[in-house]
Structure formats: structure tokens, C-alpha cells
Amino acid sequence: MDATNPDWAKLFETLKPYTDWVESYIHFKQTTIQKSIEQNKIQSAHSPRKLVLHKYATAFLEGRVMGYESLAAKYQLADLAESFKVVDLNKNKNANYEIKKILQQHQRNILGELKTDPELNQYGIEVKKYIERYFPIKSKPKRNKHSRADFLKKELIESTVKQQFKNAVYHYVLEQGKLEAYNLTSPKTKDLQNIRAGEAFSFKFINACAFASNNLKTILNPECEEDILGKNCFIQNLPDSTARPNVVQKMIPFFSDEIQNVNFDEAIWAIRGSIQKIRNEVYHCKKHAWEKNTQNKRL
């Protein structure tokens, strides 16, 4: 490049891959941080979203209709879907921008209703999440069996947003159950982190129990189709005196040669009891079961 008369256009073209990468990286970091904040923040129990979720969760737990089916009509979803039809997804390179503008204008048109109706406002938030997911501005849209045009149809928007709402309600119910189980009336971020750590550990125990249970079934009877930890099933599959030496040989890879020198009945019942105890405590969500189980000897 001539230092006295630089070709800036050529320079910008040369640097474009790098500037595009920087822009993409910054957006990725912003999105990641935002998601982290959303997942870890503790919303007030009296926030508009929490109040709406509490209403639907109460209806769900009492077996009543949750009542968000009418929100699509109040949101004028049919009008929004009709507005999307002016966007040519095949020719318009800025189609996602146009879709976002149409959504923003629609929300401005019903701004008064959104401000006064918390449930409708939450519905609008879920619609916005839907559009951001399938018609993102920066990142690539998620792969799906539907064509892009299908995602702008009223029926698919309505069914997907309804499912999003359901998932939010179910998550709220689980969250409240955890807080109650751990006696947390005013939880802090550290409390939630501890719960998540415990849950992650519990999942590891669940996998370990499944592996141990399967190994026990392989030792006693590989063809058993029932739960080998069930007392009746376990007794039915215990080997008689003739088959016992063969079963002991199968146990050696798991417990070394020393297994041949212990009382078989005591050993096999102890194995079954150890696996069952841990599995029951973890599966039935006994409080802090994972902490106690870490103190147990390995199976």
C-alpha cells in the first residue's frame, strides 16, 4: 500500500474478515453473559413474570385449565402473522431485520394493552423470544424440519409459544419445589449454585446406580427383564449351590479375587442393598442425599 496515498477501500476489504469475526465474537460474548445472568439471577417473587407464572402454576397443580389459550387472540397474533407475509424470505437478505421491525411495530400498536395486562405482556415476551430464536439478527437460525416460511405462520407461532409458556410454568414449579425442599425463603445466588452442584452430583449417582444395577443383573441373570434390585426379583435370580461358583467368577472383575473368600450370601445381599439405598435416596430426591452418599464406600 502507498503510504502517501493509501487505498482505504482495499484495506477495509482486506480487514473485513477480521472485523466481521470481532463483531461476531463480541455478540457471542454478550449473548453468553446475558444468558448467564438470566439463568443465575433471582427474580423477586412479586415481579410481573413471577406473579403470572405463580397464577398458572397454581392452576396446573390444582388440575385446572391454565388459561393462556386466549392470549393469542388478545395479542392479535393473526394480524402479526398476516403482516409477516410482506417479507420475501427468499430474496430479501435483510428479511430477519424486516421481521424484527414488524414485530416491534406490532408491539407498539398494542402497547397500552401490554402495559396493563401482565399475562399479555409475558405472552409478548415469549413471542419475541420465538422470533429471536428462529430469525436471529447476528447468529444463524437453529436447524429445524420446518421451512423458514412455516415459522411465520400463526399456527406454528401459537403452538410453539404455548409450549414455551408451559415449559416456563413447569420450570417455576420445580424451582419452587427446590426452594421449599431446601428451606430457602430468601435464596441468594450462592444457594442456587449449591443446589445445582448437588443436582449435577445426583445425576452422576443416577448414572452410576444404573451401571451398577446392570452389572448386578449381568452377574446373576443377563436375561432378566425386571428390576434386579426389587426384592422378589432378586431372590428369584439368586444362584443355587451348583451355579454359585460360576456367579462368583463373574464377580471377580468387579471385586478382585478376594470375593471368593467371603460369605456369598452376605456379599450379594450387601451389594444389592448398597445400590438400592443410594438409588432410592437419589431418585426420590431425599434432601442432600448426594452429600451423604459421597461418604459411602465405593461399590
C-alpha atoms as a PDB file:
ATOM      1  CA  MET A   1       0.000   0.000   0.000  1.00  0.00           C
ATOM      2  CA  ASP A   2       1.229   3.502  -0.886  1.00  0.00           C
ATOM      3  CA  ALA A   3       1.784   5.291   2.419  1.00  0.00           C
ATOM      4  CA  THR A   4       1.287   8.702   0.814  1.00  0.00           C
ATOM      5  CA  ASN A   5      -1.901   7.720  -0.979  1.00  0.00           C
ATOM      6  CA  PRO A   6      -3.407   4.665   0.780  1.00  0.00           C
ATOM      7  CA  ASP A   7      -6.193   2.677  -0.847  1.00  0.00           C
ATOM      8  CA  TRP A   8      -8.564   2.630   2.126  1.00  0.00           C
ATOM      9  CA  ALA A   9     -11.250   0.704   0.291  1.00  0.00           C
ATOM     10  CA  LYS A  10      -8.844  -2.138  -0.421  1.00  0.00           C
ATOM     11  CA  LEU A  11      -7.574  -2.050   3.164  1.00  0.00           C
ATOM     12  CA  PHE A  12     -11.095  -2.286   4.575  1.00  0.00           C
ATOM     13  CA  GLU A  13     -11.860  -5.158   2.205  1.00  0.00           C
ATOM     14  CA  THR A  14      -8.712  -6.973   3.362  1.00  0.00           C
ATOM     15  CA  LEU A  15      -9.569  -6.444   7.013  1.00  0.00           C
ATOM     16  CA  LYS A  16     -13.270  -7.294   6.631  1.00  0.00           C
ATOM     17  CA  PRO A  17     -12.915 -10.977   7.684  1.00  0.00           C
ATOM     18  CA  TYR A  18     -11.208  -9.829  10.884  1.00  0.00           C
ATOM     19  CA  THR A  19     -13.703  -7.068  11.659  1.00  0.00           C
ATOM     20  CA  ASP A  20     -16.567  -9.485  10.973  1.00  0.00           C
ATOM     21  CA  TRP A  21     -15.021 -12.005  13.344  1.00  0.00           C
ATOM     22  CA  VAL A  22     -14.573  -9.356  16.056  1.00  0.00           C
ATOM     23  CA  GLU A  23     -18.202  -8.287  15.697  1.00  0.00           C
ATOM     24  CA  SER A  24     -19.354 -11.912  15.828  1.00  0.00           C
ATOM     25  CA  TYR A  25     -17.170 -12.642  18.863  1.00  0.00           C
ATOM     26  CA  ILE A  26     -18.430  -9.604  20.757  1.00  0.00           C
ATOM     27  CA  HIS A  27     -22.040 -10.606  20.028  1.00  0.00           C
ATOM     28  CA  PHE A  28     -21.329 -14.172  21.165  1.00  0.00           C
ATOM     29  CA  LYS A  29     -19.828 -12.922  24.448  1.00  0.00           C
ATOM     30  CA  GLN A  30     -22.703 -10.518  25.034  1.00  0.00           C
ATOM     31  CA  THR A  31     -25.251 -13.276  24.427  1.00  0.00           C
ATOM     32  CA  THR A  32     -23.381 -15.730  26.668  1.00  0.00           C
ATOM     33  CA  ILE A  33     -23.124 -13.225  29.524  1.00  0.00           C
ATOM     34  CA  GLN A  34     -26.772 -12.264  29.148  1.00  0.00           C
ATOM     35  CA  LYS A  35     -27.860 -15.908  29.293  1.00  0.00           C
ATOM     36  CA  SER A  36     -25.670 -16.491  32.337  1.00  0.00           C
ATOM     37  CA  ILE A  37     -27.230 -13.535  34.121  1.00  0.00           C
ATOM     38  CA  GLU A  38     -30.740 -14.675  33.216  1.00  0.00           C
ATOM     39  CA  GLN A  39     -30.075 -18.209  34.456  1.00  0.00           C
ATOM     40  CA  ASN A  40     -28.450 -17.178  37.732  1.00  0.00           C
ATOM     41  CA  LYS A  41     -30.362 -14.086  38.769  1.00  0.00           C
ATOM     42  CA  ILE A  42     -33.018 -14.413  41.423  1.00  0.00           C
ATOM     43  CA  GLN A  43     -36.174 -12.585  40.442  1.00  0.00           C
ATOM     44  CA  SER A  44     -38.409 -11.057  43.059  1.00  0.00           C
ATOM     45  CA  ALA A  45     -41.346 -13.224  43.991  1.00  0.00           C
ATOM     46  CA  HIS A  46     -43.501 -10.183  43.219  1.00  0.00           C
ATOM     47  CA  SER A  47     -42.071  -9.455  39.760  1.00  0.00           C
ATOM     48  CA  PRO A  48     -44.697  -9.376  36.959  1.00  0.00           C
ATOM     49  CA  ARG A  49     -43.318 -12.584  35.434  1.00  0.00           C
ATOM     50  CA  LYS A  50     -43.252 -14.451  38.758  1.00  0.00           C
ATOM     51  CA  LEU A  51     -46.829 -13.416  39.527  1.00  0.00           C
ATOM     52  CA  VAL A  52     -48.053 -14.662  36.149  1.00  0.00           C
ATOM     53  CA  LEU A  53     -46.147 -17.941  36.470  1.00  0.00           C
ATOM     54  CA  HIS A  54     -47.449 -18.374  40.009  1.00  0.00           C
ATOM     55  CA  LYS A  55     -51.031 -17.995  38.773  1.00  0.00           C
ATOM     56  CA  TYR A  56     -50.594 -20.614  36.053  1.00  0.00           C
ATOM     57  CA  ALA A  57     -48.587 -22.929  38.329  1.00  0.00           C
ATOM     58  CA  THR A  58     -51.386 -22.836  40.914  1.00  0.00           C
ATOM     59  CA  ALA A  59     -53.925 -23.733  38.244  1.00  0.00           C
ATOM     60  CA  PHE A  60     -51.662 -26.529  37.000  1.00  0.00           C
ATOM     61  CA  LEU A  61     -51.160 -28.027  40.474  1.00  0.00           C
ATOM     62  CA  GLU A  62     -54.899 -27.856  41.192  1.00  0.00           C
ATOM     63  CA  GLY A  63     -55.744 -29.570  37.912  1.00  0.00           C
ATOM     64  CA  ARG A  64     -57.471 -26.511  36.452  1.00  0.00           C
ATOM     65  CA  VAL A  65     -57.078 -25.124  32.933  1.00  0.00           C
ATOM     66  CA  MET A  66     -54.126 -22.743  32.944  1.00  0.00           C
ATOM     67  CA  GLY A  67     -55.966 -20.321  30.681  1.00  0.00           C
ATOM     68  CA  TYR A  68     -53.317 -18.983  28.324  1.00  0.00           C
ATOM     69  CA  GLU A  69     -55.116 -20.243  25.206  1.00  0.00           C
ATOM     70  CA  SER A  70     -56.969 -16.918  24.864  1.00  0.00           C
ATOM     71  CA  LEU A  71     -53.783 -14.842  24.900  1.00  0.00           C
ATOM     72  CA  ALA A  72     -53.079 -15.371  21.186  1.00  0.00           C
ATOM     73  CA  ALA A  73     -56.329 -13.604  20.298  1.00  0.00           C
ATOM     74  CA  LYS A  74     -55.701 -10.779  22.791  1.00  0.00           C
ATOM     75  CA  TYR A  75     -52.200 -10.377  21.361  1.00  0.00           C
ATOM     76  CA  GLN A  76     -53.705 -10.196  17.852  1.00  0.00           C
ATOM     77  CA  LEU A  77     -51.347 -12.930  16.698  1.00  0.00           C
ATOM     78  CA  ALA A  78     -53.322 -13.463  13.484  1.00  0.00           C
ATOM     79  CA  ASP A  79     -52.680  -9.833  12.491  1.00  0.00           C
ATOM     80  CA  LEU A  80     -48.983 -10.188  13.254  1.00  0.00           C
ATOM     81  CA  ALA A  81     -48.712 -13.346  11.133  1.00  0.00           C
ATOM     82  CA  GLU A  82     -50.513 -11.556   8.293  1.00  0.00           C
ATOM     83  CA  SER A  83     -48.023  -8.684   8.499  1.00  0.00           C
ATOM     84  CA  PHE A  84     -45.114 -11.105   8.131  1.00  0.00           C
ATOM     85  CA  LYS A  85     -46.351 -12.127   4.665  1.00  0.00           C
ATOM     86  CA  VAL A  86     -44.919  -8.974   3.057  1.00  0.00           C
ATOM     87  CA  VAL A  87     -41.385 -10.253   3.776  1.00  0.00           C
ATOM     88  CA  ASP A  88     -39.827 -12.265   0.943  1.00  0.00           C
ATOM     89  CA  LEU A  89     -37.610 -14.745   2.759  1.00  0.00           C
ATOM     90  CA  ASN A  90     -36.002 -15.983  -0.476  1.00  0.00           C
ATOM     91  CA  LYS A  91     -34.994 -12.633  -1.982  1.00  0.00           C
ATOM     92  CA  ASN A  92     -34.692 -10.227   0.913  1.00  0.00           C
ATOM     93  CA  LYS A  93     -31.237 -10.524   2.519  1.00  0.00           C
ATOM     94  CA  ASN A  94     -32.428  -8.345   5.364  1.00  0.00           C
ATOM     95  CA  ALA A  95     -35.518 -10.463   5.964  1.00  0.00           C
ATOM     96  CA  ASN A  96     -34.721 -11.035   9.639  1.00  0.00           C
ATOM     97  CA  TYR A  97     -34.380  -7.284  10.189  1.00  0.00           C
ATOM     98  CA  GLU A  98     -37.725  -6.719   8.489  1.00  0.00           C
ATOM     99  CA  ILE A  99     -39.374  -9.381  10.633  1.00  0.00           C
ATOM    100  CA  LYS A 100     -37.957  -7.782  13.779  1.00  0.00           C
ATOM    101  CA  LYS A 101     -39.245  -4.343  12.695  1.00  0.00           C
ATOM    102  CA  ILE A 102     -42.710  -5.744  12.035  1.00  0.00           C
ATOM    103  CA  LEU A 103     -42.766  -7.355  15.483  1.00  0.00           C
ATOM    104  CA  GLN A 104     -41.621  -4.130  17.144  1.00  0.00           C
ATOM    105  CA  GLN A 105     -44.299  -2.133  15.333  1.00  0.00           C
ATOM    106  CA  HIS A 106     -46.961  -4.671  16.303  1.00  0.00           C
ATOM    107  CA  GLN A 107     -45.946  -4.432  19.962  1.00  0.00           C
ATOM    108  CA  ARG A 108     -46.093  -0.638  19.754  1.00  0.00           C
ATOM    109  CA  ASN A 109     -49.610  -0.888  18.321  1.00  0.00           C
ATOM    110  CA  ILE A 110     -50.816  -2.810  21.371  1.00  0.00           C
ATOM    111  CA  LEU A 111     -48.507  -1.122  23.877  1.00  0.00           C
ATOM    112  CA  GLY A 112     -51.416   0.062  26.002  1.00  0.00           C
ATOM    113  CA  GLU A 113     -52.736  -3.480  26.447  1.00  0.00           C
ATOM    114  CA  LEU A 114     -49.249  -4.836  27.136  1.00  0.00           C
ATOM    115  CA  LYS A 115     -48.713  -2.306  29.927  1.00  0.00           C
ATOM    116  CA  THR A 116     -51.984  -3.034  31.693  1.00  0.00           C
ATOM    117  CA  ASP A 117     -52.183  -6.807  31.233  1.00  0.00           C
ATOM    118  CA  PRO A 118     -49.250  -8.717  32.847  1.00  0.00           C
ATOM    119  CA  GLU A 119     -50.256 -12.013  31.233  1.00  0.00           C
ATOM    120  CA  LEU A 120     -50.430 -10.466  27.770  1.00  0.00           C
ATOM    121  CA  ASN A 121     -47.082  -8.766  28.383  1.00  0.00           C
ATOM    122  CA  GLN A 122     -45.468 -12.116  29.226  1.00  0.00           C
ATOM    123  CA  TYR A 123     -47.038 -13.595  26.107  1.00  0.00           C
ATOM    124  CA  GLY A 124     -45.422 -10.808  24.094  1.00  0.00           C
ATOM    125  CA  ILE A 125     -42.064 -11.610  25.676  1.00  0.00           C
ATOM    126  CA  GLU A 126     -42.422 -15.256  24.631  1.00  0.00           C
ATOM    127  CA  VAL A 127     -43.288 -14.221  21.050  1.00  0.00           C
ATOM    128  CA  LYS A 128     -40.182 -12.040  20.994  1.00  0.00           C
ATOM    129  CA  LYS A 129     -38.064 -14.986  22.194  1.00  0.00           C
ATOM    130  CA  TYR A 130     -39.587 -17.112  19.432  1.00  0.00           C
ATOM    131  CA  ILE A 131     -38.697 -14.597  16.699  1.00  0.00           C
ATOM    132  CA  GLU A 132     -35.182 -14.102  18.090  1.00  0.00           C
ATOM    133  CA  ARG A 133     -34.642 -17.848  18.069  1.00  0.00           C
ATOM    134  CA  TYR A 134     -35.813 -18.618  14.530  1.00  0.00           C
ATOM    135  CA  PHE A 135     -34.979 -15.282  12.863  1.00  0.00           C
ATOM    136  CA  PRO A 136     -31.832 -14.074  14.665  1.00  0.00           C
ATOM    137  CA  ILE A 137     -30.061 -10.920  13.536  1.00  0.00           C
ATOM    138  CA  LYS A 138     -26.461 -11.964  14.178  1.00  0.00           C
ATOM    139  CA  SER A 139     -26.237 -15.738  14.540  1.00  0.00           C
ATOM    140  CA  LYS A 140     -27.522 -18.498  12.312  1.00  0.00           C
ATOM    141  CA  PRO A 141     -31.046 -19.816  12.955  1.00  0.00           C
ATOM    142  CA  LYS A 142     -31.414 -23.212  14.607  1.00  0.00           C
ATOM    143  CA  ARG A 143     -31.928 -26.119  12.247  1.00  0.00           C
ATOM    144  CA  ASN A 144     -35.422 -27.477  12.106  1.00  0.00           C
ATOM    145  CA  LYS A 145     -37.584 -29.723   9.947  1.00  0.00           C
ATOM    146  CA  HIS A 146     -39.877 -26.796   9.121  1.00  0.00           C
ATOM    147  CA  SER A 147     -39.164 -24.310   6.330  1.00  0.00           C
ATOM    148  CA  ARG A 148     -38.459 -20.719   7.321  1.00  0.00           C
ATOM    149  CA  ALA A 149     -41.828 -19.601   5.964  1.00  0.00           C
ATOM    150  CA  ASP A 150     -43.596 -22.063   8.278  1.00  0.00           C
ATOM    151  CA  PHE A 151     -42.168 -20.287  11.312  1.00  0.00           C
ATOM    152  CA  LEU A 152     -44.103 -17.151  10.391  1.00  0.00           C
ATOM    153  CA  LYS A 153     -47.454 -18.924  10.262  1.00  0.00           C
ATOM    154  CA  LYS A 154     -49.906 -18.237  13.055  1.00  0.00           C
ATOM    155  CA  GLU A 155     -50.472 -21.905  13.904  1.00  0.00           C
ATOM    156  CA  LEU A 156     -46.790 -22.720  14.436  1.00  0.00           C
ATOM    157  CA  ILE A 157     -46.094 -19.498  16.339  1.00  0.00           C
ATOM    158  CA  GLU A 158     -49.092 -20.113  18.592  1.00  0.00           C
ATOM    159  CA  SER A 159     -48.292 -23.767  19.340  1.00  0.00           C
ATOM    160  CA  THR A 160     -44.594 -23.086  19.976  1.00  0.00           C
ATOM    161  CA  VAL A 161     -45.206 -20.061  22.205  1.00  0.00           C
ATOM    162  CA  LYS A 162     -47.805 -22.076  24.119  1.00  0.00           C
ATOM    163  CA  GLN A 163     -45.192 -24.772  24.731  1.00  0.00           C
ATOM    164  CA  GLN A 164     -42.679 -22.121  25.812  1.00  0.00           C
ATOM    165  CA  PHE A 165     -45.233 -20.870  28.311  1.00  0.00           C
ATOM    166  CA  LYS A 166     -45.824 -24.402  29.598  1.00  0.00           C
ATOM    167  CA  ASN A 167     -42.099 -25.011  29.979  1.00  0.00           C
ATOM    168  CA  ALA A 168     -41.758 -21.768  31.943  1.00  0.00           C
ATOM    169  CA  VAL A 169     -44.589 -22.838  34.278  1.00  0.00           C
ATOM    170  CA  TYR A 170     -43.115 -26.329  34.792  1.00  0.00           C
ATOM    171  CA  HIS A 171     -39.691 -24.808  35.495  1.00  0.00           C
ATOM    172  CA  TYR A 172     -41.274 -22.432  38.005  1.00  0.00           C
ATOM    173  CA  VAL A 173     -42.979 -25.332  39.806  1.00  0.00           C
ATOM    174  CA  LEU A 174     -39.672 -27.243  40.006  1.00  0.00           C
ATOM    175  CA  GLU A 175     -37.849 -24.129  41.190  1.00  0.00           C
ATOM    176  CA  GLN A 176     -40.368 -23.503  43.967  1.00  0.00           C
ATOM    177  CA  GLY A 177     -40.195 -27.165  44.968  1.00  0.00           C
ATOM    178  CA  LYS A 178     -36.420 -26.963  45.295  1.00  0.00           C
ATOM    179  CA  LEU A 179     -36.592 -23.802  47.390  1.00  0.00           C
ATOM    180  CA  GLU A 180     -39.138 -25.438  49.681  1.00  0.00           C
ATOM    181  CA  ALA A 181     -37.133 -28.664  49.934  1.00  0.00           C
ATOM    182  CA  TYR A 182     -34.037 -26.700  50.927  1.00  0.00           C
ATOM    183  CA  ASN A 183     -35.992 -24.366  53.258  1.00  0.00           C
ATOM    184  CA  LEU A 184     -34.883 -21.280  51.333  1.00  0.00           C
ATOM    185  CA  THR A 185     -37.296 -18.418  51.866  1.00  0.00           C
ATOM    186  CA  SER A 186     -34.899 -15.707  50.660  1.00  0.00           C
ATOM    187  CA  PRO A 187     -32.425 -17.534  48.401  1.00  0.00           C
ATOM    188  CA  LYS A 188     -29.166 -15.981  47.276  1.00  0.00           C
ATOM    189  CA  THR A 189     -27.189 -16.780  44.134  1.00  0.00           C
ATOM    190  CA  LYS A 190     -24.803 -18.925  46.198  1.00  0.00           C
ATOM    191  CA  ASP A 191     -27.759 -21.012  47.406  1.00  0.00           C
ATOM    192  CA  LEU A 192     -28.843 -21.741  43.832  1.00  0.00           C
ATOM    193  CA  GLN A 193     -25.269 -22.602  42.874  1.00  0.00           C
ATOM    194  CA  ASN A 194     -25.098 -25.129  45.710  1.00  0.00           C
ATOM    195  CA  ILE A 195     -28.393 -26.696  44.634  1.00  0.00           C
ATOM    196  CA  ARG A 196     -27.179 -27.003  41.041  1.00  0.00           C
ATOM    197  CA  ALA A 197     -23.913 -28.560  42.197  1.00  0.00           C
ATOM    198  CA  GLY A 198     -25.869 -31.089  44.235  1.00  0.00           C
ATOM    199  CA  GLU A 199     -28.148 -31.876  41.309  1.00  0.00           C
ATOM    200  CA  ALA A 200     -25.182 -32.392  38.999  1.00  0.00           C
ATOM    201  CA  PHE A 201     -23.691 -34.772  41.536  1.00  0.00           C
ATOM    202  CA  SER A 202     -27.031 -36.571  41.826  1.00  0.00           C
ATOM    203  CA  PHE A 203     -27.137 -37.137  38.078  1.00  0.00           C
ATOM    204  CA  LYS A 204     -23.692 -38.727  38.322  1.00  0.00           C
ATOM    205  CA  PHE A 205     -25.001 -41.025  41.065  1.00  0.00           C
ATOM    206  CA  ILE A 206     -28.027 -41.932  38.934  1.00  0.00           C
ATOM    207  CA  ASN A 207     -25.728 -42.990  36.083  1.00  0.00           C
ATOM    208  CA  ALA A 208     -23.500 -44.890  38.486  1.00  0.00           C
ATOM    209  CA  CYS A 209     -26.501 -46.683  40.020  1.00  0.00           C
ATOM    210  CA  ALA A 210     -27.791 -47.665  36.587  1.00  0.00           C
ATOM    211  CA  PHE A 211     -24.348 -49.019  35.690  1.00  0.00           C
ATOM    212  CA  ALA A 212     -24.030 -50.921  38.985  1.00  0.00           C
ATOM    213  CA  SER A 213     -27.554 -52.318  38.715  1.00  0.00           C
ATOM    214  CA  ASN A 214     -26.896 -53.504  35.171  1.00  0.00           C
ATOM    215  CA  ASN A 215     -23.671 -55.177  36.280  1.00  0.00           C
ATOM    216  CA  LEU A 216     -25.503 -56.958  39.092  1.00  0.00           C
ATOM    217  CA  LYS A 217     -28.074 -58.204  36.600  1.00  0.00           C
ATOM    218  CA  THR A 218     -25.267 -59.409  34.319  1.00  0.00           C
ATOM    219  CA  ILE A 219     -23.719 -61.309  37.227  1.00  0.00           C
ATOM    220  CA  LEU A 220     -26.942 -63.008  38.342  1.00  0.00           C
ATOM    221  CA  ASN A 221     -29.008 -63.347  35.168  1.00  0.00           C
ATOM    222  CA  PRO A 222     -28.331 -61.331  31.984  1.00  0.00           C
ATOM    223  CA  GLU A 223     -31.733 -62.335  30.602  1.00  0.00           C
ATOM    224  CA  CYS A 224     -33.670 -60.807  33.499  1.00  0.00           C
ATOM    225  CA  GLU A 225     -36.083 -58.150  32.176  1.00  0.00           C
ATOM    226  CA  GLU A 226     -37.319 -56.848  35.533  1.00  0.00           C
ATOM    227  CA  ASP A 227     -35.705 -54.612  38.131  1.00  0.00           C
ATOM    228  CA  ILE A 228     -32.992 -56.787  39.638  1.00  0.00           C
ATOM    229  CA  LEU A 229     -32.959 -54.607  42.772  1.00  0.00           C
ATOM    230  CA  GLY A 230     -36.572 -55.489  43.551  1.00  0.00           C
ATOM    231  CA  LYS A 231     -36.584 -57.936  46.459  1.00  0.00           C
ATOM    232  CA  ASN A 232     -38.713 -60.647  44.832  1.00  0.00           C
ATOM    233  CA  CYS A 233     -36.883 -60.418  41.511  1.00  0.00           C
ATOM    234  CA  PHE A 234     -33.525 -60.505  43.287  1.00  0.00           C
ATOM    235  CA  ILE A 235     -34.428 -63.618  45.302  1.00  0.00           C
ATOM    236  CA  GLN A 236     -35.745 -65.401  42.193  1.00  0.00           C
ATOM    237  CA  ASN A 237     -32.430 -64.849  40.398  1.00  0.00           C
ATOM    238  CA  LEU A 238     -30.102 -65.916  43.200  1.00  0.00           C
ATOM    239  CA  PRO A 239     -27.997 -68.904  42.075  1.00  0.00           C
ATOM    240  CA  ASP A 240     -28.329 -72.322  43.635  1.00  0.00           C
ATOM    241  CA  SER A 241     -25.294 -74.128  45.029  1.00  0.00           C
ATOM    242  CA  THR A 242     -24.472 -75.611  41.611  1.00  0.00           C
ATOM    243  CA  ALA A 243     -24.434 -72.278  39.738  1.00  0.00           C
ATOM    244  CA  ARG A 244     -22.833 -70.272  42.543  1.00  0.00           C
ATOM    245  CA  PRO A 245     -19.156 -70.886  41.546  1.00  0.00           C
ATOM    246  CA  ASN A 246     -19.881 -69.507  38.057  1.00  0.00           C
ATOM    247  CA  VAL A 247     -21.524 -66.403  39.534  1.00  0.00           C
ATOM    248  CA  VAL A 248     -18.546 -65.846  41.842  1.00  0.00           C
ATOM    249  CA  GLN A 249     -16.236 -65.934  38.813  1.00  0.00           C
ATOM    250  CA  LYS A 250     -18.332 -63.174  37.212  1.00  0.00           C
ATOM    251  CA  MET A 251     -17.912 -61.076  40.359  1.00  0.00           C
ATOM    252  CA  ILE A 252     -14.098 -61.217  40.357  1.00  0.00           C
ATOM    253  CA  PRO A 253     -13.585 -58.435  37.710  1.00  0.00           C
ATOM    254  CA  PHE A 254     -15.577 -56.062  39.931  1.00  0.00           C
ATOM    255  CA  PHE A 255     -14.284 -57.110  43.378  1.00  0.00           C
ATOM    256  CA  SER A 256     -10.940 -58.917  42.772  1.00  0.00           C
ATOM    257  CA  ASP A 257     -10.109 -62.466  43.840  1.00  0.00           C
ATOM    258  CA  GLU A 258     -10.908 -61.634  47.469  1.00  0.00           C
ATOM    259  CA  ILE A 259     -14.611 -62.082  46.686  1.00  0.00           C
ATOM    260  CA  GLN A 260     -14.014 -65.848  46.697  1.00  0.00           C
ATOM    261  CA  ASN A 261     -13.054 -65.730  50.382  1.00  0.00           C
ATOM    262  CA  VAL A 262     -16.178 -64.021  51.768  1.00  0.00           C
ATOM    263  CA  ASN A 263     -19.612 -65.370  52.601  1.00  0.00           C
ATOM    264  CA  PHE A 264     -21.513 -65.324  49.300  1.00  0.00           C
ATOM    265  CA  ASP A 265     -24.973 -64.654  50.742  1.00  0.00           C
ATOM    266  CA  GLU A 266     -23.756 -61.757  52.865  1.00  0.00           C
ATOM    267  CA  ALA A 267     -21.769 -60.280  49.957  1.00  0.00           C
ATOM    268  CA  ILE A 268     -24.517 -60.480  47.304  1.00  0.00           C
ATOM    269  CA  TRP A 269     -27.166 -59.029  49.632  1.00  0.00           C
ATOM    270  CA  ALA A 270     -24.778 -56.246  50.684  1.00  0.00           C
ATOM    271  CA  ILE A 271     -24.150 -55.368  47.041  1.00  0.00           C
ATOM    272  CA  ARG A 272     -27.846 -55.235  46.299  1.00  0.00           C
ATOM    273  CA  GLY A 273     -28.557 -53.198  49.445  1.00  0.00           C
ATOM    274  CA  SER A 274     -25.831 -50.646  48.722  1.00  0.00           C
ATOM    275  CA  ILE A 275     -27.012 -49.969  45.172  1.00  0.00           C
ATOM    276  CA  GLN A 276     -30.676 -49.837  46.157  1.00  0.00           C
ATOM    277  CA  LYS A 277     -30.116 -47.477  49.101  1.00  0.00           C
ATOM    278  CA  ILE A 278     -28.248 -44.899  47.028  1.00  0.00           C
ATOM    279  CA  ARG A 279     -30.654 -45.199  44.103  1.00  0.00           C
ATOM    280  CA  ASN A 280     -33.740 -44.734  46.263  1.00  0.00           C
ATOM    281  CA  GLU A 281     -32.340 -41.690  48.038  1.00  0.00           C
ATOM    282  CA  VAL A 282     -31.275 -40.014  44.809  1.00  0.00           C
ATOM    283  CA  TYR A 283     -34.328 -40.972  42.726  1.00  0.00           C
ATOM    284  CA  HIS A 284     -36.749 -39.853  45.438  1.00  0.00           C
ATOM    285  CA  CYS A 285     -34.891 -36.564  45.968  1.00  0.00           C
ATOM    286  CA  LYS A 286     -34.116 -37.038  49.642  1.00  0.00           C
ATOM    287  CA  LYS A 287     -32.577 -33.814  50.871  1.00  0.00           C
ATOM    288  CA  HIS A 288     -28.796 -33.675  50.473  1.00  0.00           C
ATOM    289  CA  ALA A 289     -28.665 -37.399  49.653  1.00  0.00           C
ATOM    290  CA  TRP A 290     -25.691 -36.731  47.393  1.00  0.00           C
ATOM    291  CA  GLU A 291     -23.676 -35.333  50.320  1.00  0.00           C
ATOM    292  CA  LYS A 292     -24.273 -38.427  52.418  1.00  0.00           C
ATOM    293  CA  ASN A 293     -23.589 -40.792  49.548  1.00  0.00           C
ATOM    294  CA  THR A 294     -20.165 -39.309  48.902  1.00  0.00           C
ATOM    295  CA  GLN A 295     -19.183 -40.614  52.330  1.00  0.00           C
ATOM    296  CA  ASN A 296     -20.187 -44.180  51.451  1.00  0.00           C
ATOM    297  CA  LYS A 297     -17.639 -46.691  50.318  1.00  0.00           C
ATOM    298  CA  ARG A 298     -17.398 -47.416  46.603  1.00  0.00           C
ATOM    299  CA  LEU A 299     -19.407 -50.344  45.377  1.00  0.00           C
END
